[in-house]
C-alpha atoms as a PDB file:
ATOM      1  CA  MET A   1      12.710  -1.853 -26.178  1.00  0.00           C
ATOM      2  CA  ASP A   2      11.074  -0.876 -29.462  1.00  0.00           C
ATOM      3  CA  ASP A   3       8.622   1.229 -27.473  1.00  0.00           C
ATOM      4  CA  PHE A   4      11.358   3.665 -26.431  1.00  0.00           C
ATOM      5  CA  GLU A   5      13.268   6.329 -28.335  1.00  0.00           C
ATOM      6  CA  GLN A   6      16.872   6.911 -27.257  1.00  0.00           C
ATOM      7  CA  LEU A   7      17.506  10.645 -26.888  1.00  0.00           C
ATOM      8  CA  GLN A   8      20.818  11.280 -25.174  1.00  0.00           C
ATOM      9  CA  LEU A   9      23.743   9.709 -23.354  1.00  0.00           C
ATOM     10  CA  LEU A  10      23.579  10.794 -19.715  1.00  0.00           C
ATOM     11  CA  GLY A  11      26.731   9.129 -18.473  1.00  0.00           C
ATOM     12  CA  SER A  12      28.972   6.096 -18.711  1.00  0.00           C
ATOM     13  CA  GLY A  13      31.115   4.106 -16.326  1.00  0.00           C
ATOM     14  CA  GLY A  14      33.285   1.031 -16.203  1.00  0.00           C
ATOM     15  CA  TYR A  15      30.739  -1.418 -17.550  1.00  0.00           C
ATOM     16  CA  ALA A  16      27.493   0.465 -18.070  1.00  0.00           C
ATOM     17  CA  SER A  17      26.044   3.481 -19.862  1.00  0.00           C
ATOM     18  CA  VAL A  18      22.897   5.412 -18.983  1.00  0.00           C
ATOM     19  CA  PHE A  19      20.690   6.938 -21.673  1.00  0.00           C
ATOM     20  CA  LEU A  20      17.768   9.318 -21.597  1.00  0.00           C
ATOM     21  CA  VAL A  21      14.865   7.643 -23.403  1.00  0.00           C
ATOM     22  CA  ARG A  22      11.284   8.575 -24.195  1.00  0.00           C
ATOM     23  CA  ARG A  23       8.327   6.285 -24.559  1.00  0.00           C
ATOM     24  CA  SER A  24       7.120   6.296 -28.156  1.00  0.00           C
ATOM     25  CA  ASN A  25       4.121   8.536 -28.815  1.00  0.00           C
ATOM     26  CA  SER A  26       4.495  10.015 -25.338  1.00  0.00           C
ATOM     27  CA  ALA A  27       6.391  12.770 -23.543  1.00  0.00           C
ATOM     28  CA  GLU A  28       7.242  10.425 -20.655  1.00  0.00           C
ATOM     29  CA  LEU A  29      11.004  10.266 -19.974  1.00  0.00           C
ATOM     30  CA  PHE A  30      13.038   7.459 -18.391  1.00  0.00           C
ATOM     31  CA  ALA A  31      16.661   6.607 -17.697  1.00  0.00           C
ATOM     32  CA  LEU A  32      17.836   3.398 -19.359  1.00  0.00           C
ATOM     33  CA  LYS A  33      20.946   1.783 -17.904  1.00  0.00           C
ATOM     34  CA  LYS A  34      22.606  -0.583 -20.373  1.00  0.00           C
ATOM     35  CA  ILE A  35      25.113  -3.142 -19.111  1.00  0.00           C
ATOM     36  CA  SER A  36      27.180  -5.045 -21.642  1.00  0.00           C
ATOM     37  CA  ARG A  37      27.388  -8.753 -20.856  1.00  0.00           C
ATOM     38  CA  SER A  38      30.865  -8.849 -22.398  1.00  0.00           C
ATOM     39  CA  LYS A  39      32.115  -6.615 -19.561  1.00  0.00           C
ATOM     40  CA  VAL A  40      30.515  -8.714 -16.828  1.00  0.00           C
ATOM     41  CA  VAL A  41      32.977 -11.586 -16.800  1.00  0.00           C
ATOM     42  CA  ILE A  42      34.088 -12.380 -13.248  1.00  0.00           C
ATOM     43  CA  GLU A  43      31.785 -14.052 -10.726  1.00  0.00           C
ATOM     44  CA  GLN A  44      31.776 -11.028  -8.402  1.00  0.00           C
ATOM     45  CA  GLN A  45      30.485  -8.817 -11.217  1.00  0.00           C
ATOM     46  CA  LYS A  46      27.829 -11.364 -12.117  1.00  0.00           C
ATOM     47  CA  SER A  47      26.611 -11.617  -8.533  1.00  0.00           C
ATOM     48  CA  ARG A  48      26.460  -7.819  -8.256  1.00  0.00           C
ATOM     49  CA  LEU A  49      24.424  -7.653 -11.450  1.00  0.00           C
ATOM     50  CA  GLU A  50      21.970 -10.211 -10.078  1.00  0.00           C
ATOM     51  CA  ALA A  51      21.755  -8.295  -6.796  1.00  0.00           C
ATOM     52  CA  GLU A  52      21.125  -5.020  -8.626  1.00  0.00           C
ATOM     53  CA  ARG A  53      18.414  -6.648 -10.711  1.00  0.00           C
ATOM     54  CA  SER A  54      16.671  -8.033  -7.621  1.00  0.00           C
ATOM     55  CA  ILE A  55      16.989  -4.900  -5.488  1.00  0.00           C
ATOM     56  CA  LEU A  56      15.848  -2.587  -8.290  1.00  0.00           C
ATOM     57  CA  LEU A  57      12.481  -4.295  -8.498  1.00  0.00           C
ATOM     58  CA  LYS A  58      11.990  -4.626  -4.723  1.00  0.00           C
ATOM     59  CA  LEU A  59      12.908  -1.198  -3.367  1.00  0.00           C
ATOM     60  CA  ARG A  60      10.009   1.194  -2.919  1.00  0.00           C
ATOM     61  CA  SER A  61      10.827   4.671  -1.658  1.00  0.00           C
ATOM     62  CA  PRO A  62       9.981   8.200  -2.824  1.00  0.00           C
ATOM     63  CA  PHE A  63      13.632   9.100  -2.185  1.00  0.00           C
ATOM     64  CA  LEU A  64      15.182   6.448  -4.447  1.00  0.00           C
ATOM     65  CA  CYS A  65      15.021   6.135  -8.217  1.00  0.00           C
ATOM     66  CA  ARG A  66      12.315   3.630  -9.041  1.00  0.00           C
ATOM     67  CA  GLY A  67      12.898   0.654 -11.285  1.00  0.00           C
ATOM     68  CA  PHE A  68      10.156  -0.176 -13.778  1.00  0.00           C
ATOM     69  CA  GLN A  69      11.312  -2.910 -16.101  1.00  0.00           C
ATOM     70  CA  ILE A  70      14.281  -5.066 -17.100  1.00  0.00           C
ATOM     71  CA  PHE A  71      15.151  -5.966 -20.683  1.00  0.00           C
ATOM     72  CA  GLU A  72      17.585  -8.755 -21.521  1.00  0.00           C
ATOM     73  CA  THR A  73      19.285  -9.853 -24.723  1.00  0.00           C
ATOM     74  CA  THR A  74      22.283 -12.069 -25.361  1.00  0.00           C
ATOM     75  CA  GLU A  75      24.461  -8.932 -25.582  1.00  0.00           C
ATOM     76  CA  GLU A  76      23.233  -6.739 -22.735  1.00  0.00           C
ATOM     77  CA  VAL A  77      20.979  -6.219 -19.736  1.00  0.00           C
ATOM     78  CA  SER A  78      19.012  -2.961 -19.545  1.00  0.00           C
ATOM     79  CA  PHE A  79      17.305  -1.427 -16.514  1.00  0.00           C
ATOM     80  CA  LEU A  80      14.476   1.023 -17.155  1.00  0.00           C
ATOM     81  CA  GLN A  81      14.460   3.501 -14.277  1.00  0.00           C
ATOM     82  CA  GLU A  82      12.922   6.759 -13.186  1.00  0.00           C
ATOM     83  CA  TYR A  83      14.585   9.776 -14.802  1.00  0.00           C
ATOM     84  CA  VAL A  84      15.471  12.433 -12.249  1.00  0.00           C
ATOM     85  CA  GLU A  85      16.299  15.690 -13.967  1.00  0.00           C
ATOM     86  CA  GLY A  86      19.406  17.368 -12.646  1.00  0.00           C
ATOM     87  CA  ARG A  87      23.150  17.438 -12.910  1.00  0.00           C
ATOM     88  CA  ALA A  88      26.044  16.320 -10.751  1.00  0.00           C
ATOM     89  CA  PHE A  89      28.287  19.224  -9.758  1.00  0.00           C
ATOM     90  CA  PHE A  90      31.569  18.130 -11.316  1.00  0.00           C
ATOM     91  CA  SER A  91      32.419  21.792 -11.840  1.00  0.00           C
ATOM     92  CA  ARG A  92      31.068  25.038 -10.362  1.00  0.00           C
ATOM     93  CA  ARG A  93      32.621  24.094  -7.062  1.00  0.00           C
ATOM     94  CA  ASN A  94      31.799  27.488  -5.584  1.00  0.00           C
ATOM     95  CA  LEU A  95      28.551  26.155  -4.128  1.00  0.00           C
ATOM     96  CA  SER A  96      28.414  25.774  -0.372  1.00  0.00           C
ATOM     97  CA  TRP A  97      30.280  22.685   0.811  1.00  0.00           C
ATOM     98  CA  HIS A  98      27.266  21.039   2.450  1.00  0.00           C
ATOM     99  CA  CYS A  99      25.347  21.153  -0.837  1.00  0.00           C
ATOM    100  CA  GLU A 100      28.312  19.471  -2.512  1.00  0.00           C
ATOM    101  CA  ILE A 101      28.300  16.671   0.052  1.00  0.00           C
ATOM    102  CA  CYS A 102      24.660  15.969  -0.667  1.00  0.00           C
ATOM    103  CA  THR A 103      24.769  16.093  -4.467  1.00  0.00           C
ATOM    104  CA  ARG A 104      28.132  15.122  -5.912  1.00  0.00           C
ATOM    105  CA  LYS A 105      28.081  11.466  -6.828  1.00  0.00           C
ATOM    106  CA  ASP A 106      31.859  11.243  -7.199  1.00  0.00           C
ATOM    107  CA  THR A 107      32.456  12.434  -3.627  1.00  0.00           C
ATOM    108  CA  PHE A 108      33.005   9.437  -1.414  1.00  0.00           C
ATOM    109  CA  ILE A 109      30.830  10.713   1.387  1.00  0.00           C
ATOM    110  CA  ALA A 110      27.954  10.059  -0.993  1.00  0.00           C
ATOM    111  CA  ILE A 111      29.013   6.414  -1.246  1.00  0.00           C
ATOM    112  CA  LEU A 112      28.058   5.524   2.277  1.00  0.00           C
ATOM    113  CA  ARG A 113      25.801   2.505   2.530  1.00  0.00           C
ATOM    114  CA  VAL A 114      22.182   3.047   1.648  1.00  0.00           C
ATOM    115  CA  SER A 115      22.134  -0.649   2.206  1.00  0.00           C
ATOM    116  CA  VAL A 116      19.923  -3.652   2.538  1.00  0.00           C
ATOM    117  CA  ASP A 117      22.405  -5.308   4.881  1.00  0.00           C
ATOM    118  CA  GLY A 118      23.423  -8.466   3.143  1.00  0.00           C
ATOM    119  CA  LYS A 119      20.065  -9.447   1.679  1.00  0.00           C
ATOM    120  CA  ASP A 120      18.812  -8.794  -1.828  1.00  0.00           C
ATOM    121  CA  GLY A 121      16.293  -6.145  -0.957  1.00  0.00           C
ATOM    122  CA  ASP A 122      14.362  -7.584   1.976  1.00  0.00           C
ATOM    123  CA  GLY A 123      16.396  -5.633   4.544  1.00  0.00           C
ATOM    124  CA  SER A 124      16.868  -8.447   7.056  1.00  0.00           C
ATOM    125  CA  GLY A 125      19.790 -10.588   8.164  1.00  0.00           C
ATOM    126  CA  ARG A 126      23.388  -9.761   8.980  1.00  0.00           C
ATOM    127  CA  THR A 127      26.623  -9.695   7.036  1.00  0.00           C
ATOM    128  CA  GLN A 128      30.358  -9.322   7.625  1.00  0.00           C
ATOM    129  CA  SER A 129      31.477  -7.690   4.373  1.00  0.00           C
ATOM    130  CA  VAL A 130      33.716  -4.610   4.531  1.00  0.00           C
ATOM    131  CA  CYS A 131      32.628  -1.826   2.202  1.00  0.00           C
ATOM    132  CA  GLY A 132      32.827   1.948   2.171  1.00  0.00           C
ATOM    133  CA  THR A 133      35.039   4.804   3.287  1.00  0.00           C
ATOM    134  CA  HIS A 134      36.990   4.217   6.487  1.00  0.00           C
ATOM    135  CA  TYR A 135      35.963   7.263   8.447  1.00  0.00           C
ATOM    136  CA  VAL A 136      32.233   6.573   8.105  1.00  0.00           C
ATOM    137  CA  MET A 137      32.533   2.838   8.834  1.00  0.00           C
ATOM    138  CA  ALA A 138      31.060   1.624  12.084  1.00  0.00           C
ATOM    139  CA  PRO A 139      33.530  -0.083  14.463  1.00  0.00           C
ATOM    140  CA  GLU A 140      31.873  -3.474  14.047  1.00  0.00           C
ATOM    141  CA  MET A 141      32.557  -3.343  10.309  1.00  0.00           C
ATOM    142  CA  PHE A 142      36.224  -2.460  10.915  1.00  0.00           C
ATOM    143  CA  PHE A 143      36.717  -5.655  12.848  1.00  0.00           C
ATOM    144  CA  LYS A 144      34.596  -7.791  10.524  1.00  0.00           C
ATOM    145  CA  GLU A 145      32.008  -8.573  13.148  1.00  0.00           C
ATOM    146  CA  PRO A 146      28.471  -9.527  12.042  1.00  0.00           C
ATOM    147  CA  TYR A 147      26.399  -6.371  11.688  1.00  0.00           C
ATOM    148  CA  GLY A 148      22.990  -5.137  10.643  1.00  0.00           C
ATOM    149  CA  PHE A 149      21.302  -1.798  10.088  1.00  0.00           C
ATOM    150  CA  SER A 150      23.115  -0.197  13.022  1.00  0.00           C
ATOM    151  CA  ILE A 151      26.126   0.501  10.812  1.00  0.00           C
ATOM    152  CA  ASP A 152      23.992   2.866   8.748  1.00  0.00           C
ATOM    153  CA  TRP A 153      22.909   4.811  11.820  1.00  0.00           C
ATOM    154  CA  TRP A 154      26.566   5.239  12.800  1.00  0.00           C
ATOM    155  CA  SER A 155      27.309   6.585   9.311  1.00  0.00           C
ATOM    156  CA  LEU A 156      24.324   8.917   9.609  1.00  0.00           C
ATOM    157  CA  GLY A 157      25.838  10.386  12.765  1.00  0.00           C
ATOM    158  CA  VAL A 158      29.165  10.948  10.988  1.00  0.00           C
ATOM    159  CA  VAL A 159      27.489  12.651   8.019  1.00  0.00           C
ATOM    160  CA  ILE A 160      25.316  14.926  10.160  1.00  0.00           C
ATOM    161  CA  TYR A 161      28.390  15.986  12.121  1.00  0.00           C
ATOM    162  CA  GLU A 162      30.394  16.678   8.958  1.00  0.00           C
ATOM    163  CA  MET A 163      27.571  18.710   7.430  1.00  0.00           C
ATOM    164  CA  LEU A 164      27.498  20.731  10.641  1.00  0.00           C
ATOM    165  CA  ALA A 165      31.232  21.196  11.208  1.00  0.00           C
ATOM    166  CA  GLY A 166      32.782  20.818   7.752  1.00  0.00           C
ATOM    167  CA  HIS A 167      35.007  17.922   8.821  1.00  0.00           C
ATOM    168  CA  PRO A 168      34.624  14.446  10.343  1.00  0.00           C
ATOM    169  CA  PRO A 169      34.250  14.074  14.109  1.00  0.00           C
ATOM    170  CA  TRP A 170      37.777  12.622  14.271  1.00  0.00           C
ATOM    171  CA  GLU A 171      41.033  13.095  12.428  1.00  0.00           C
ATOM    172  CA  TYR A 172      40.956  11.035   9.255  1.00  0.00           C
ATOM    173  CA  GLN A 173      43.940   9.161   7.874  1.00  0.00           C
ATOM    174  CA  CYS A 174      43.628   5.931   5.921  1.00  0.00           C
ATOM    175  CA  PRO A 175      44.540   3.208   8.410  1.00  0.00           C
ATOM    176  CA  THR A 176      46.699   0.244   7.488  1.00  0.00           C
ATOM    177  CA  ASP A 177      46.399  -3.138   9.167  1.00  0.00           C
ATOM    178  CA  SER A 178      49.129  -2.120  11.614  1.00  0.00           C
ATOM    179  CA  THR A 179      47.429   1.162  12.547  1.00  0.00           C
ATOM    180  CA  LEU A 180      43.824  -0.038  12.530  1.00  0.00           C
ATOM    181  CA  GLU A 181      43.732  -0.541  16.290  1.00  0.00           C
ATOM    182  CA  GLU A 182      45.251   2.906  16.844  1.00  0.00           C
ATOM    183  CA  TYR A 183      42.666   4.434  14.507  1.00  0.00           C
ATOM    184  CA  PHE A 184      39.865   2.644  16.321  1.00  0.00           C
ATOM    185  CA  GLN A 185      41.123   3.918  19.682  1.00  0.00           C
ATOM    186  CA  ARG A 186      41.075   7.470  18.291  1.00  0.00           C
ATOM    187  CA  ILE A 187      37.461   6.990  17.251  1.00  0.00           C
ATOM    188  CA  LYS A 188      36.625   5.369  20.568  1.00  0.00           C
ATOM    189  CA  ARG A 189      37.947   8.386  22.476  1.00  0.00           C
ATOM    190  CA  THR A 190      35.775  10.706  20.401  1.00  0.00           C
ATOM    191  CA  ALA A 191      32.631   8.698  19.680  1.00  0.00           C
ATOM    192  CA  GLY A 192      29.706   9.397  21.956  1.00  0.00           C
ATOM    193  CA  SER A 193      31.040  12.865  22.810  1.00  0.00           C
ATOM    194  CA  PRO A 194      32.347  14.319  19.528  1.00  0.00           C
ATOM    195  CA  PHE A 195      31.716  17.917  20.579  1.00  0.00           C
ATOM    196  CA  GLN A 196      33.891  17.677  23.664  1.00  0.00           C
ATOM    197  CA  THR A 197      36.998  16.226  22.026  1.00  0.00           C
ATOM    198  CA  PHE A 198      38.425  16.842  18.604  1.00  0.00           C
ATOM    199  CA  ASP A 199      42.194  16.763  18.175  1.00  0.00           C
ATOM    200  CA  GLY A 200      42.367  17.051  21.968  1.00  0.00           C
ATOM    201  CA  GLN A 201      40.422  20.303  22.077  1.00  0.00           C
ATOM    202  CA  VAL A 202      36.865  21.415  22.687  1.00  0.00           C
ATOM    203  CA  GLU A 203      35.032  21.800  19.377  1.00  0.00           C
ATOM    204  CA  ALA A 204      33.687  25.330  18.967  1.00  0.00           C
ATOM    205  CA  ILE A 205      30.487  24.596  17.038  1.00  0.00           C
ATOM    206  CA  ALA A 206      27.158  26.303  17.526  1.00  0.00           C
ATOM    207  CA  VAL A 207      24.853  23.330  18.006  1.00  0.00           C
ATOM    208  CA  SER A 208      21.572  22.898  19.816  1.00  0.00           C
ATOM    209  CA  PRO A 209      21.401  20.465  22.735  1.00  0.00           C
ATOM    210  CA  ASP A 210      18.871  18.373  20.796  1.00  0.00           C
ATOM    211  CA  LEU A 211      21.144  17.988  17.768  1.00  0.00           C
ATOM    212  CA  GLN A 212      24.123  17.253  19.989  1.00  0.00           C
ATOM    213  CA  SER A 213      22.049  14.576  21.696  1.00  0.00           C
ATOM    214  CA  LEU A 214      21.113  13.035  18.340  1.00  0.00           C
ATOM    215  CA  ILE A 215      24.683  12.852  17.030  1.00  0.00           C
ATOM    216  CA  CYS A 216      26.090  11.497  20.275  1.00  0.00           C
ATOM    217  CA  ALA A 217      23.368   8.842  20.399  1.00  0.00           C
ATOM    218  CA  LEU A 218      24.173   7.757  16.836  1.00  0.00           C
ATOM    219  CA  LEU A 219      27.933   7.609  17.497  1.00  0.00           C
ATOM    220  CA  GLN A 220      27.831   4.923  20.164  1.00  0.00           C
ATOM    221  CA  ILE A 221      30.601   2.317  19.875  1.00  0.00           C
ATOM    222  CA  ASN A 222      28.348  -0.510  21.036  1.00  0.00           C
ATOM    223  CA  PRO A 223      25.643  -1.086  18.396  1.00  0.00           C
ATOM    224  CA  ARG A 224      23.312  -2.358  21.132  1.00  0.00           C
ATOM    225  CA  GLU A 225      23.428   1.097  22.704  1.00  0.00           C
ATOM    226  CA  ARG A 226      23.236   3.047  19.436  1.00  0.00           C
ATOM    227  CA  LEU A 227      20.149   5.071  18.571  1.00  0.00           C
ATOM    228  CA  GLY A 228      18.237   3.137  15.923  1.00  0.00           C
ATOM    229  CA  LYS A 229      18.977  -0.286  17.388  1.00  0.00           C
ATOM    230  CA  ASN A 230      15.222  -0.892  17.509  1.00  0.00           C
ATOM    231  CA  GLY A 231      14.562   0.451  14.030  1.00  0.00           C
ATOM    232  CA  ALA A 232      14.315   3.729  12.142  1.00  0.00           C
ATOM    233  CA  ALA A 233      11.264   4.823  14.138  1.00  0.00           C
ATOM    234  CA  GLU A 234      13.520   5.225  17.166  1.00  0.00           C
ATOM    235  CA  ILE A 235      15.522   7.878  15.309  1.00  0.00           C
ATOM    236  CA  MET A 236      12.441   9.497  13.798  1.00  0.00           C
ATOM    237  CA  ASN A 237      11.016   9.921  17.294  1.00  0.00           C
ATOM    238  CA  HIS A 238      14.097  11.747  18.585  1.00  0.00           C
ATOM    239  CA  VAL A 239      13.283  15.210  19.918  1.00  0.00           C
ATOM    240  CA  TRP A 240      15.390  16.920  17.226  1.00  0.00           C
ATOM    241  CA  PHE A 241      12.891  15.711  14.601  1.00  0.00           C
ATOM    242  CA  ASN A 242       9.809  16.915  16.483  1.00  0.00           C
ATOM    243  CA  ASP A 243       9.010  19.498  13.810  1.00  0.00           C
ATOM    244  CA  ILE A 244       9.178  16.952  10.993  1.00  0.00           C
ATOM    245  CA  ASP A 245       5.922  15.617   9.572  1.00  0.00           C
ATOM    246  CA  TRP A 246       7.228  12.252   8.368  1.00  0.00           C
ATOM    247  CA  ALA A 247       4.060  11.333   6.479  1.00  0.00           C
ATOM    248  CA  GLN A 248       4.156  14.624   4.591  1.00  0.00           C
ATOM    249  CA  LEU A 249       7.871  14.232   3.929  1.00  0.00           C
ATOM    250  CA  GLU A 250       7.333  10.771   2.461  1.00  0.00           C
ATOM    251  CA  THR A 251       4.722  12.052   0.026  1.00  0.00           C
ATOM    252  CA  LYS A 252       6.766  15.232  -0.589  1.00  0.00           C
ATOM    253  CA  GLU A 253       3.628  17.333  -0.085  1.00  0.00           C
ATOM    254  CA  GLY A 254       4.107  20.895   1.067  1.00  0.00           C
ATOM    255  CA  ILE A 255       7.886  20.770   0.682  1.00  0.00           C
ATOM    256  CA  LYS A 256       9.271  23.990  -0.752  1.00  0.00           C
ATOM    257  CA  ASN A 257      12.866  24.837  -1.534  1.00  0.00           C
ATOM    258  CA  SER A 258      13.658  28.037   0.359  1.00  0.00           C
ATOM    259  CA  ILE A 259      17.227  28.215  -0.977  1.00  0.00           C
ATOM    260  CA  ALA A 260      17.774  30.640  -3.835  1.00  0.00           C
ATOM    261  CA  VAL A 261      19.482  28.953  -6.800  1.00  0.00           C
ATOM    262  CA  PRO A 262      21.824  31.435  -8.525  1.00  0.00           C
ATOM    263  CA  TYR A 263      22.293  29.305 -11.630  1.00  0.00           C
ATOM    264  CA  ASP A 264      19.952  27.148 -13.719  1.00  0.00           C
ATOM    265  CA  PHE A 265      21.840  23.889 -14.155  1.00  0.00           C
ATOM    266  CA  ASN A 266      18.950  22.207 -15.943  1.00  0.00           C
ATOM    267  CA  LYS A 267      19.332  24.534 -18.932  1.00  0.00           C
ATOM    268  CA  ASP A 268      22.946  23.456 -19.429  1.00  0.00           C
ATOM    269  CA  TYR A 269      22.095  19.841 -18.722  1.00  0.00           C
ATOM    270  CA  ASN A 270      19.337  19.637 -21.313  1.00  0.00           C
ATOM    271  CA  ALA A 271      21.433  21.398 -23.936  1.00  0.00           C
ATOM    272  CA  ALA A 272      24.588  19.298 -23.617  1.00  0.00           C
ATOM    273  CA  ARG A 273      25.694  15.730 -24.071  1.00  0.00           C
ATOM    274  CA  VAL A 274      26.829  14.936 -20.560  1.00  0.00           C
ATOM    275  CA  ARG A 275      29.406  12.235 -19.876  1.00  0.00           C
ATOM    276  CA  THR A 276      30.476  11.203 -16.433  1.00  0.00           C
ATOM    277  CA  PRO A 277      34.089  12.374 -15.967  1.00  0.00           C
ATOM    278  CA  GLN A 278      36.603   9.632 -15.267  1.00  0.00           C
ATOM    279  CA  GLY A 279      39.380  10.020 -12.729  1.00  0.00           C
ATOM    280  CA  GLN A 280      39.852  13.345 -10.956  1.00  0.00           C
ATOM    281  CA  CYS A 281      37.012  15.841 -11.052  1.00  0.00           C
ATOM    282  CA  GLY A 282      37.509  19.560 -10.924  1.00  0.00           C
ATOM    283  CA  GLY A 283      40.723  21.521 -10.672  1.00  0.00           C
ATOM    284  CA  ARG A 284      41.226  21.688  -6.916  1.00  0.00           C
ATOM    285  CA  GLU A 285      40.894  19.558  -3.832  1.00  0.00           C
ATOM    286  CA  SER A 286      37.486  18.639  -2.508  1.00  0.00           C
ATOM    287  CA  LEU A 287      36.175  20.475   0.502  1.00  0.00           C
ATOM    288  CA  SER A 288      35.280  17.097   1.991  1.00  0.00           C
ATOM    289  CA  SER A 289      38.007  15.023   3.572  1.00  0.00           C
ATOM    290  CA  ALA A 290      36.344  11.932   2.160  1.00  0.00           C
ATOM    291  CA  GLU A 291      38.186  12.358  -1.120  1.00  0.00           C
ATOM    292  CA  SER A 292      41.432  11.540   0.648  1.00  0.00           C
ATOM    293  CA  ILE A 293      40.432   7.873   0.535  1.00  0.00           C
ATOM    294  CA  ASP A 294      43.300   5.480  -0.083  1.00  0.00           C
ATOM    295  CA  PRO A 295      43.554   4.789  -3.869  1.00  0.00           C
ATOM    296  CA  GLU A 296      44.072   1.090  -3.129  1.00  0.00           C
ATOM    297  CA  ASP A 297      40.814   0.998  -1.181  1.00  0.00           C
ATOM    298  CA  ASN A 298      39.114   2.855  -4.001  1.00  0.00           C
ATOM    299  CA  ALA A 299      40.278   0.260  -6.521  1.00  0.00           C
ATOM    300  CA  LYS A 300      39.412  -2.626  -4.207  1.00  0.00           C
ATOM    301  CA  TYR A 301      35.926  -1.621  -3.151  1.00  0.00           C
ATOM    302  CA  PHE A 302      34.678   0.487  -6.068  1.00  0.00           C
ATOM    303  CA  ALA A 303      36.366  -1.093  -9.115  1.00  0.00           C
ATOM    304  CA  ASP A 304      33.052  -2.049 -10.683  1.00  0.00           C
ATOM    305  CA  PHE A 305      31.287   1.274 -10.139  1.00  0.00           C
END
């Protein structure tokens, strides 16, 4: 830890704070997440900390923040991670809604399940835990059936549809135990053909046959019939992705941002001490229906985040 200079607080949450640090005698920047042991008291929190520690060092992807090192003292555990320059859009909500879905970390659609399915980072096995926002949960998770990666492909179908249409493929209301079956039946009527039925009407969305095919294949009630049941390559080989060079995408070579950015957020970010807002963000309702999540579910599933 003596090799790093602490520069700035980037954000803080319920039991952790993240700092911008620089390696001594170098311009290399990192994010350092500090977790106070005094705030990790219940067994569930301890197990999550152990899982985070294990997963951080195992995951390898150009699209996820890399973990480099873990420091431990009697008072705290610190994770040294890749620093990704940017800023969450807690304000300036006038950006297009699909950009907000992709970038705002406090919007529940962003808390889907980039998961390792019940294993600490090896990506195998099955689990029965219930976690996430109701309207992106796969049916098998609703009914606490053993599941694997197929739940993530279902959620992918929901997200693609919402980015296309601006709303979920079915009416969203937080179900209670007594209405869960009714909610599932509503999904069942829509899943697999979301463009033909929405609130009992034909959805007027300009969508190519290939994209419609992709979404419908992802939103199959039976996970054994869902696209991706044989692995991610099955989805990558779908006709809608024919123009994607996956090898180039993985290395990020030749990728250019063709979207004009009207405001330089990095300038504000680097000039300010940024703290993660607690509670409600912004002065008006989110454009995504995901923020209508039941507060009790929020407290139950995301209390430690």
